[in-house]
Amino acid sequence: MRLATTVLLRSLGAIGVVVITTAVALAIPRWARPDLYPDETGVGGTLHAMERAFFHLDFGVACGWAGCPAVREMWARGYAADISMLFGAVAIGIGGGFLLGLWCAGRPGRRRTRIVEGTATLLYCAPVYVIGWGILLLFHGSFGLVPLPYFFDAAPVWASPFQEPWDWFRTMLIPWLVAAAPLAAMCLRLTVVLVREQLDSDPVRTAIAKGVPHKQVVRRHAGPYAHAATASLVGVSGSAARGGSSC
């Protein structure tokens, strides 16, 4: 009961944040540049714009010139790609970061472990657009140092995962990896810290005393303690992945 109440309150809070953010985003340009919104000036005009947005999903047009597409039409054309980008980046980031974290925790102090952890630190600190630019310089089919043309050629802008699954996959793979890189780095660091803390716990020390190999101890005994904390990253990683895909 307590968990359900917490989930409900947080969901309502999230909806409230979305509503307030949308209202402020609609109000600021109308107050700052009323000349661009001659029919929506003042408080009454702003409330009318909010009514159209919240009750009719009418968010206006994308620019101030004739022939500009409506924002709702742009969202309708791009929502499938946005959803694929979000879920793919979160799944790769959280899953890959957790598995790499277990791998690093099971091999402490080794050179390969230090290389992986150092790379994770770099990916976590570097902006997403820098990571994307670096990947293009390394692997682009035309000018990359190690060309991978099939994943960097003129693939279709959007392919349906049901009708053209392979084209959809190769179109989304590089954006997925770029957007997932900071999430995977964050998850890796968290997993390594949590697993290494659990190595001194009584159940893990008992398994070590019984002669269980270190890698198996990390994977089966210490690793599960990091599941809950890693799963909690899903809630905060959505916005990070969406922001990274926007870059």
Foldseek 3Di string as FASTA:
>chain_A
DVVVVVVVVVVVVVVVVVLVVVLVVLPVCCAVCVVLVVPQHDPNSSVVCSCCCPPVVFNAFPDSDPPGHTPVVVCVVCVVVLVCLLVLLLCCQLVVLLVLLLVLLLPDPDPVSVVVLVQLVVLQPDALVVVVVVCCCQADQPRHPNHDPVLRDCQDCADDCVPCVVSRCSPNVSSSCSLSSNSSSVNSVLQNVQLVVCCPPDVLVVCVVVPDRSSCSSVPPSSVVCVVVSVVVSVVSSVSSSVSSVD
